[in-house]
Amino acid sequence: MPKIVDHDQYRKELLQGCLALFAERGYGSITMRQIAKGLSVSTGTLYHYFPSKESIFMQLVQELCEQDISNFFAQASEEGSLEERLQAVMDFVLQNIQKYHQQLLLWVDFFQQTREGSEAEILFLRQIWDRTRDTLKDYLQVQDPAILDFIMVFVDGLMIQFIYNRGFQRMEWFEQQCQLTIQMILRHEQHCLETQT
């Protein structure tokens, strides 16, 4: 009897392996043949699931986004004040900060190698940004898109701090920055309420 393969699950397993390979070797330094070897699959099998290295990257970004959203809602309470919800978001970021730092470096490498990305790639990554922002909007119940973008830019800025030698040993610094950001957003929201009345 032939073995039944869950192709979607197998594709996800391959993507997870690709993340480790990209992180280890860099997006620009690894070929499809090397990826197949690193995953212990044939090149034909790899091309069956992914037509190109760019396709692997884009599917990986989408998969990581969906995993993050799912993981966040698995642990976050949908009750509470705006401050409590913001704290839940910041706590999740801090719990995953090393992973996000690794991902940011991979995204930068991708753009360096693809010469700023094609229009399709840029549109795709913009859709990922929008999906994340829409999820934040629903969870935080904040309507101002500028605040939502601010939160996401702040998170990217945290990741860049690792490049400036803040490092993981300085978690209190990251926690302090998160608290300052939460207070700024709360003051902004309070100001908006006061000006509406």
C-alpha atoms as a PDB file:
ATOM      1  CA  MET A   1       0.000   0.000   0.000  1.00  0.00           C
ATOM      2  CA  PRO A   2       1.482   3.400  -0.963  1.00  0.00           C
ATOM      3  CA  LYS A   3       2.411   5.827   1.790  1.00  0.00           C
ATOM      4  CA  ILE A   4      -0.060   8.705   2.176  1.00  0.00           C
ATOM      5  CA  VAL A   5       1.739  12.022   2.345  1.00  0.00           C
ATOM      6  CA  ASP A   6       0.176  15.195   3.716  1.00  0.00           C
ATOM      7  CA  HIS A   7       1.708  17.523   1.123  1.00  0.00           C
ATOM      8  CA  ASP A   8       0.811  20.718   2.961  1.00  0.00           C
ATOM      9  CA  GLN A   9       2.383  19.498   6.196  1.00  0.00           C
ATOM     10  CA  TYR A  10       5.470  18.275   4.315  1.00  0.00           C
ATOM     11  CA  ARG A  11       5.795  21.669   2.596  1.00  0.00           C
ATOM     12  CA  LYS A  12       5.665  23.367   6.031  1.00  0.00           C
ATOM     13  CA  GLU A  13       8.352  21.019   7.341  1.00  0.00           C
ATOM     14  CA  LEU A  14      10.549  21.863   4.373  1.00  0.00           C
ATOM     15  CA  LEU A  15       9.985  25.575   5.004  1.00  0.00           C
ATOM     16  CA  GLN A  16      11.082  25.238   8.632  1.00  0.00           C
ATOM     17  CA  GLY A  17      14.256  23.549   7.452  1.00  0.00           C
ATOM     18  CA  CYS A  18      14.794  26.338   4.929  1.00  0.00           C
ATOM     19  CA  LEU A  19      14.578  28.946   7.677  1.00  0.00           C
ATOM     20  CA  ALA A  20      17.440  27.265   9.520  1.00  0.00           C
ATOM     21  CA  LEU A  21      19.480  27.001   6.304  1.00  0.00           C
ATOM     22  CA  PHE A  22      18.883  30.633   5.336  1.00  0.00           C
ATOM     23  CA  ALA A  23      19.798  31.758   8.854  1.00  0.00           C
ATOM     24  CA  GLU A  24      22.989  29.686   8.805  1.00  0.00           C
ATOM     25  CA  ARG A  25      24.194  30.410   5.274  1.00  0.00           C
ATOM     26  CA  GLY A  26      22.379  33.593   4.271  1.00  0.00           C
ATOM     27  CA  TYR A  27      19.767  33.953   1.576  1.00  0.00           C
ATOM     28  CA  GLY A  28      22.205  35.125  -1.068  1.00  0.00           C
ATOM     29  CA  SER A  29      24.844  32.486  -0.369  1.00  0.00           C
ATOM     30  CA  ILE A  30      22.770  29.354  -0.771  1.00  0.00           C
ATOM     31  CA  THR A  31      21.516  27.683  -3.948  1.00  0.00           C
ATOM     32  CA  MET A  32      18.499  25.450  -4.530  1.00  0.00           C
ATOM     33  CA  ARG A  33      20.854  22.479  -4.823  1.00  0.00           C
ATOM     34  CA  GLN A  34      22.439  23.309  -1.453  1.00  0.00           C
ATOM     35  CA  ILE A  35      19.012  23.771   0.107  1.00  0.00           C
ATOM     36  CA  ALA A  36      17.917  20.352  -1.162  1.00  0.00           C
ATOM     37  CA  LYS A  37      21.098  18.800   0.228  1.00  0.00           C
ATOM     38  CA  GLY A  38      20.614  20.550   3.568  1.00  0.00           C
ATOM     39  CA  LEU A  39      17.042  19.244   3.742  1.00  0.00           C
ATOM     40  CA  SER A  40      18.128  15.740   2.665  1.00  0.00           C
ATOM     41  CA  VAL A  41      15.743  15.753  -0.294  1.00  0.00           C
ATOM     42  CA  SER A  42      16.317  15.560  -4.017  1.00  0.00           C
ATOM     43  CA  THR A  43      16.496  18.756  -6.019  1.00  0.00           C
ATOM     44  CA  GLY A  44      13.434  17.507  -7.934  1.00  0.00           C
ATOM     45  CA  THR A  45      11.459  17.174  -4.708  1.00  0.00           C
ATOM     46  CA  LEU A  46      12.428  20.701  -3.685  1.00  0.00           C
ATOM     47  CA  TYR A  47      11.371  22.101  -7.078  1.00  0.00           C
ATOM     48  CA  HIS A  48       8.099  20.165  -6.824  1.00  0.00           C
ATOM     49  CA  TYR A  49       7.150  22.229  -3.764  1.00  0.00           C
ATOM     50  CA  PHE A  50       8.926  25.480  -4.589  1.00  0.00           C
ATOM     51  CA  PRO A  51       9.620  26.736  -8.128  1.00  0.00           C
ATOM     52  CA  SER A  52      12.455  29.017  -6.973  1.00  0.00           C
ATOM     53  CA  LYS A  53      14.447  30.261  -4.013  1.00  0.00           C
ATOM     54  CA  GLU A  54      12.338  33.436  -4.087  1.00  0.00           C
ATOM     55  CA  SER A  55       9.220  31.289  -3.798  1.00  0.00           C
ATOM     56  CA  ILE A  56      10.676  29.557  -0.748  1.00  0.00           C
ATOM     57  CA  PHE A  57      11.393  32.918   0.842  1.00  0.00           C
ATOM     58  CA  MET A  58       7.934  34.340   0.201  1.00  0.00           C
ATOM     59  CA  GLN A  59       6.153  31.201   1.407  1.00  0.00           C
ATOM     60  CA  LEU A  60       8.407  31.184   4.463  1.00  0.00           C
ATOM     61  CA  VAL A  61       7.531  34.797   5.295  1.00  0.00           C
ATOM     62  CA  GLN A  62       3.832  34.032   4.965  1.00  0.00           C
ATOM     63  CA  GLU A  63       4.121  30.882   7.086  1.00  0.00           C
ATOM     64  CA  LEU A  64       6.050  32.718   9.817  1.00  0.00           C
ATOM     65  CA  CYS A  65       3.460  35.508   9.866  1.00  0.00           C
ATOM     66  CA  GLU A  66       0.585  33.034  10.238  1.00  0.00           C
ATOM     67  CA  GLN A  67       2.465  31.095  12.945  1.00  0.00           C
ATOM     68  CA  ASP A  68       3.130  34.276  14.901  1.00  0.00           C
ATOM     69  CA  ILE A  69      -0.507  35.336  14.754  1.00  0.00           C
ATOM     70  CA  SER A  70      -1.665  31.872  15.796  1.00  0.00           C
ATOM     71  CA  ASN A  71       0.904  31.625  18.609  1.00  0.00           C
ATOM     72  CA  PHE A  72       0.044  35.088  19.883  1.00  0.00           C
ATOM     73  CA  PHE A  73      -3.678  34.376  20.117  1.00  0.00           C
ATOM     74  CA  ALA A  74      -3.009  31.017  21.743  1.00  0.00           C
ATOM     75  CA  GLN A  75      -1.517  32.844  24.742  1.00  0.00           C
ATOM     76  CA  ALA A  76      -3.058  36.339  24.711  1.00  0.00           C
ATOM     77  CA  SER A  77      -6.253  37.224  26.496  1.00  0.00           C
ATOM     78  CA  GLU A  78      -8.815  39.035  24.399  1.00  0.00           C
ATOM     79  CA  GLU A  79     -10.085  40.749  27.549  1.00  0.00           C
ATOM     80  CA  GLY A  80      -8.618  43.751  29.276  1.00  0.00           C
ATOM     81  CA  SER A  81      -7.787  47.373  28.802  1.00  0.00           C
ATOM     82  CA  LEU A  82      -5.767  48.855  25.967  1.00  0.00           C
ATOM     83  CA  GLU A  83      -2.767  48.984  28.295  1.00  0.00           C
ATOM     84  CA  GLU A  84      -3.088  45.267  29.094  1.00  0.00           C
ATOM     85  CA  ARG A  85      -3.428  44.415  25.428  1.00  0.00           C
ATOM     86  CA  LEU A  86      -0.403  46.518  24.491  1.00  0.00           C
ATOM     87  CA  GLN A  87       1.531  44.807  27.266  1.00  0.00           C
ATOM     88  CA  ALA A  88       0.529  41.400  25.859  1.00  0.00           C
ATOM     89  CA  VAL A  89       1.843  42.430  22.419  1.00  0.00           C
ATOM     90  CA  MET A  90       5.121  43.735  23.853  1.00  0.00           C
ATOM     91  CA  ASP A  91       5.555  40.635  26.034  1.00  0.00           C
ATOM     92  CA  PHE A  92       5.097  38.430  22.966  1.00  0.00           C
ATOM     93  CA  VAL A  93       7.687  40.441  21.036  1.00  0.00           C
ATOM     94  CA  LEU A  94      10.181  40.208  23.892  1.00  0.00           C
ATOM     95  CA  GLN A  95       9.613  36.456  24.243  1.00  0.00           C
ATOM     96  CA  ASN A  96      10.421  36.041  20.545  1.00  0.00           C
ATOM     97  CA  ILE A  97      13.002  38.789  20.143  1.00  0.00           C
ATOM     98  CA  GLN A  98      15.867  36.513  19.116  1.00  0.00           C
ATOM     99  CA  LYS A  99      13.738  34.887  16.420  1.00  0.00           C
ATOM    100  CA  TYR A 100      12.556  38.260  15.116  1.00  0.00           C
ATOM    101  CA  HIS A 101      16.103  39.592  15.036  1.00  0.00           C
ATOM    102  CA  GLN A 102      17.135  36.582  12.931  1.00  0.00           C
ATOM    103  CA  GLN A 103      14.188  37.139  10.605  1.00  0.00           C
ATOM    104  CA  LEU A 104      14.973  40.831  10.151  1.00  0.00           C
ATOM    105  CA  LEU A 105      18.532  40.001   9.115  1.00  0.00           C
ATOM    106  CA  LEU A 106      17.172  37.458   6.640  1.00  0.00           C
ATOM    107  CA  TRP A 107      14.748  40.014   5.151  1.00  0.00           C
ATOM    108  CA  VAL A 108      17.618  42.512   4.729  1.00  0.00           C
ATOM    109  CA  ASP A 109      19.759  39.841   3.057  1.00  0.00           C
ATOM    110  CA  PHE A 110      16.874  38.983   0.734  1.00  0.00           C
ATOM    111  CA  PHE A 111      16.509  42.598  -0.386  1.00  0.00           C
ATOM    112  CA  GLN A 112      20.239  43.014  -0.880  1.00  0.00           C
ATOM    113  CA  GLN A 113      20.328  39.946  -3.103  1.00  0.00           C
ATOM    114  CA  THR A 114      17.232  40.762  -5.134  1.00  0.00           C
ATOM    115  CA  ARG A 115      18.257  44.374  -5.720  1.00  0.00           C
ATOM    116  CA  GLU A 116      15.433  45.844  -3.653  1.00  0.00           C
ATOM    117  CA  GLY A 117      12.937  43.198  -4.750  1.00  0.00           C
ATOM    118  CA  SER A 118      10.588  43.011  -7.705  1.00  0.00           C
ATOM    119  CA  GLU A 119       7.216  44.752  -7.659  1.00  0.00           C
ATOM    120  CA  ALA A 120       5.537  41.411  -6.935  1.00  0.00           C
ATOM    121  CA  GLU A 121       7.865  40.716  -4.000  1.00  0.00           C
ATOM    122  CA  ILE A 122       7.389  44.198  -2.566  1.00  0.00           C
ATOM    123  CA  LEU A 123       3.599  43.899  -2.945  1.00  0.00           C
ATOM    124  CA  PHE A 124       3.687  40.508  -1.241  1.00  0.00           C
ATOM    125  CA  LEU A 125       5.706  41.808   1.717  1.00  0.00           C
ATOM    126  CA  ARG A 126       3.378  44.817   1.947  1.00  0.00           C
ATOM    127  CA  GLN A 127       0.450  42.388   2.194  1.00  0.00           C
ATOM    128  CA  ILE A 128       2.209  40.632   5.084  1.00  0.00           C
ATOM    129  CA  TRP A 129       2.691  44.007   6.796  1.00  0.00           C
ATOM    130  CA  ASP A 130      -1.004  44.832   6.233  1.00  0.00           C
ATOM    131  CA  ARG A 131      -2.112  41.431   7.550  1.00  0.00           C
ATOM    132  CA  THR A 132      -0.107  41.964  10.724  1.00  0.00           C
ATOM    133  CA  ARG A 133      -1.380  45.534  11.113  1.00  0.00           C
ATOM    134  CA  ASP A 134      -5.001  44.408  10.619  1.00  0.00           C
ATOM    135  CA  THR A 135      -4.529  41.731  13.271  1.00  0.00           C
ATOM    136  CA  LEU A 136      -3.133  44.350  15.663  1.00  0.00           C
ATOM    137  CA  LYS A 137      -6.060  46.649  14.862  1.00  0.00           C
ATOM    138  CA  ASP A 138      -8.595  43.961  15.711  1.00  0.00           C
ATOM    139  CA  TYR A 139      -6.800  42.899  18.883  1.00  0.00           C
ATOM    140  CA  LEU A 140      -5.967  46.355  20.253  1.00  0.00           C
ATOM    141  CA  GLN A 141      -9.176  47.947  18.976  1.00  0.00           C
ATOM    142  CA  VAL A 142      -7.187  50.976  17.855  1.00  0.00           C
ATOM    143  CA  GLN A 143      -8.526  52.668  14.753  1.00  0.00           C
ATOM    144  CA  ASP A 144      -5.666  55.041  13.927  1.00  0.00           C
ATOM    145  CA  PRO A 145      -3.498  53.318  11.280  1.00  0.00           C
ATOM    146  CA  ALA A 146      -0.584  55.609  12.179  1.00  0.00           C
ATOM    147  CA  ILE A 147      -0.500  54.161  15.712  1.00  0.00           C
ATOM    148  CA  LEU A 148      -0.574  50.624  14.353  1.00  0.00           C
ATOM    149  CA  ASP A 149       2.281  51.391  11.946  1.00  0.00           C
ATOM    150  CA  PHE A 150       4.140  53.085  14.804  1.00  0.00           C
ATOM    151  CA  ILE A 151       3.963  49.900  16.891  1.00  0.00           C
ATOM    152  CA  MET A 152       5.292  47.811  14.005  1.00  0.00           C
ATOM    153  CA  VAL A 153       8.089  50.276  13.232  1.00  0.00           C
ATOM    154  CA  PHE A 154       8.974  50.312  16.937  1.00  0.00           C
ATOM    155  CA  VAL A 155       9.292  46.510  16.923  1.00  0.00           C
ATOM    156  CA  ASP A 156      11.560  46.674  13.862  1.00  0.00           C
ATOM    157  CA  GLY A 157      13.625  49.290  15.684  1.00  0.00           C
ATOM    158  CA  LEU A 158      14.052  46.939  18.640  1.00  0.00           C
ATOM    159  CA  MET A 159      15.488  44.349  16.299  1.00  0.00           C
ATOM    160  CA  ILE A 160      17.953  46.835  14.854  1.00  0.00           C
ATOM    161  CA  GLN A 161      19.243  47.590  18.364  1.00  0.00           C
ATOM    162  CA  PHE A 162      20.906  44.182  18.395  1.00  0.00           C
ATOM    163  CA  ILE A 163      23.137  45.386  15.580  1.00  0.00           C
ATOM    164  CA  TYR A 164      24.164  48.283  17.833  1.00  0.00           C
ATOM    165  CA  ASN A 165      25.338  45.838  20.490  1.00  0.00           C
ATOM    166  CA  ARG A 166      22.387  46.110  22.820  1.00  0.00           C
ATOM    167  CA  GLY A 167      22.278  42.307  22.779  1.00  0.00           C
ATOM    168  CA  PHE A 168      20.198  39.864  24.711  1.00  0.00           C
ATOM    169  CA  GLN A 169      22.001  40.602  27.977  1.00  0.00           C
ATOM    170  CA  ARG A 170      20.270  44.006  28.040  1.00  0.00           C
ATOM    171  CA  MET A 171      16.655  42.789  28.263  1.00  0.00           C
ATOM    172  CA  GLU A 172      15.849  45.431  30.875  1.00  0.00           C
ATOM    173  CA  TRP A 173      16.614  48.077  28.236  1.00  0.00           C
ATOM    174  CA  PHE A 174      14.153  46.442  25.807  1.00  0.00           C
ATOM    175  CA  GLU A 175      11.511  46.190  28.530  1.00  0.00           C
ATOM    176  CA  GLN A 176      12.016  49.868  29.377  1.00  0.00           C
ATOM    177  CA  GLN A 177      11.579  50.878  25.730  1.00  0.00           C
ATOM    178  CA  CYS A 178       8.385  48.805  25.524  1.00  0.00           C
ATOM    179  CA  GLN A 179       6.991  50.518  28.629  1.00  0.00           C
ATOM    180  CA  LEU A 180       7.795  53.973  27.231  1.00  0.00           C
ATOM    181  CA  THR A 181       6.065  53.075  23.976  1.00  0.00           C
ATOM    182  CA  ILE A 182       2.968  51.788  25.765  1.00  0.00           C
ATOM    183  CA  GLN A 183       2.755  55.019  27.779  1.00  0.00           C
ATOM    184  CA  MET A 184       3.153  57.151  24.629  1.00  0.00           C
ATOM    185  CA  ILE A 185       0.350  55.281  22.888  1.00  0.00           C
ATOM    186  CA  LEU A 186      -1.944  55.537  25.921  1.00  0.00           C
ATOM    187  CA  ARG A 187      -1.321  59.289  26.145  1.00  0.00           C
ATOM    188  CA  HIS A 188      -1.996  59.666  22.433  1.00  0.00           C
ATOM    189  CA  GLU A 189      -5.260  57.724  22.714  1.00  0.00           C
ATOM    190  CA  GLN A 190      -6.291  59.789  25.763  1.00  0.00           C
ATOM    191  CA  HIS A 191      -5.521  62.998  23.892  1.00  0.00           C
ATOM    192  CA  CYS A 192      -7.633  61.842  20.941  1.00  0.00           C
ATOM    193  CA  LEU A 193     -10.562  61.083  23.261  1.00  0.00           C
ATOM    194  CA  GLU A 194     -10.275  64.468  24.930  1.00  0.00           C
ATOM    195  CA  THR A 195     -10.233  66.368  21.636  1.00  0.00           C
ATOM    196  CA  GLN A 196     -13.303  64.494  20.386  1.00  0.00           C
ATOM    197  CA  THR A 197     -15.407  65.637  23.333  1.00  0.00           C
END
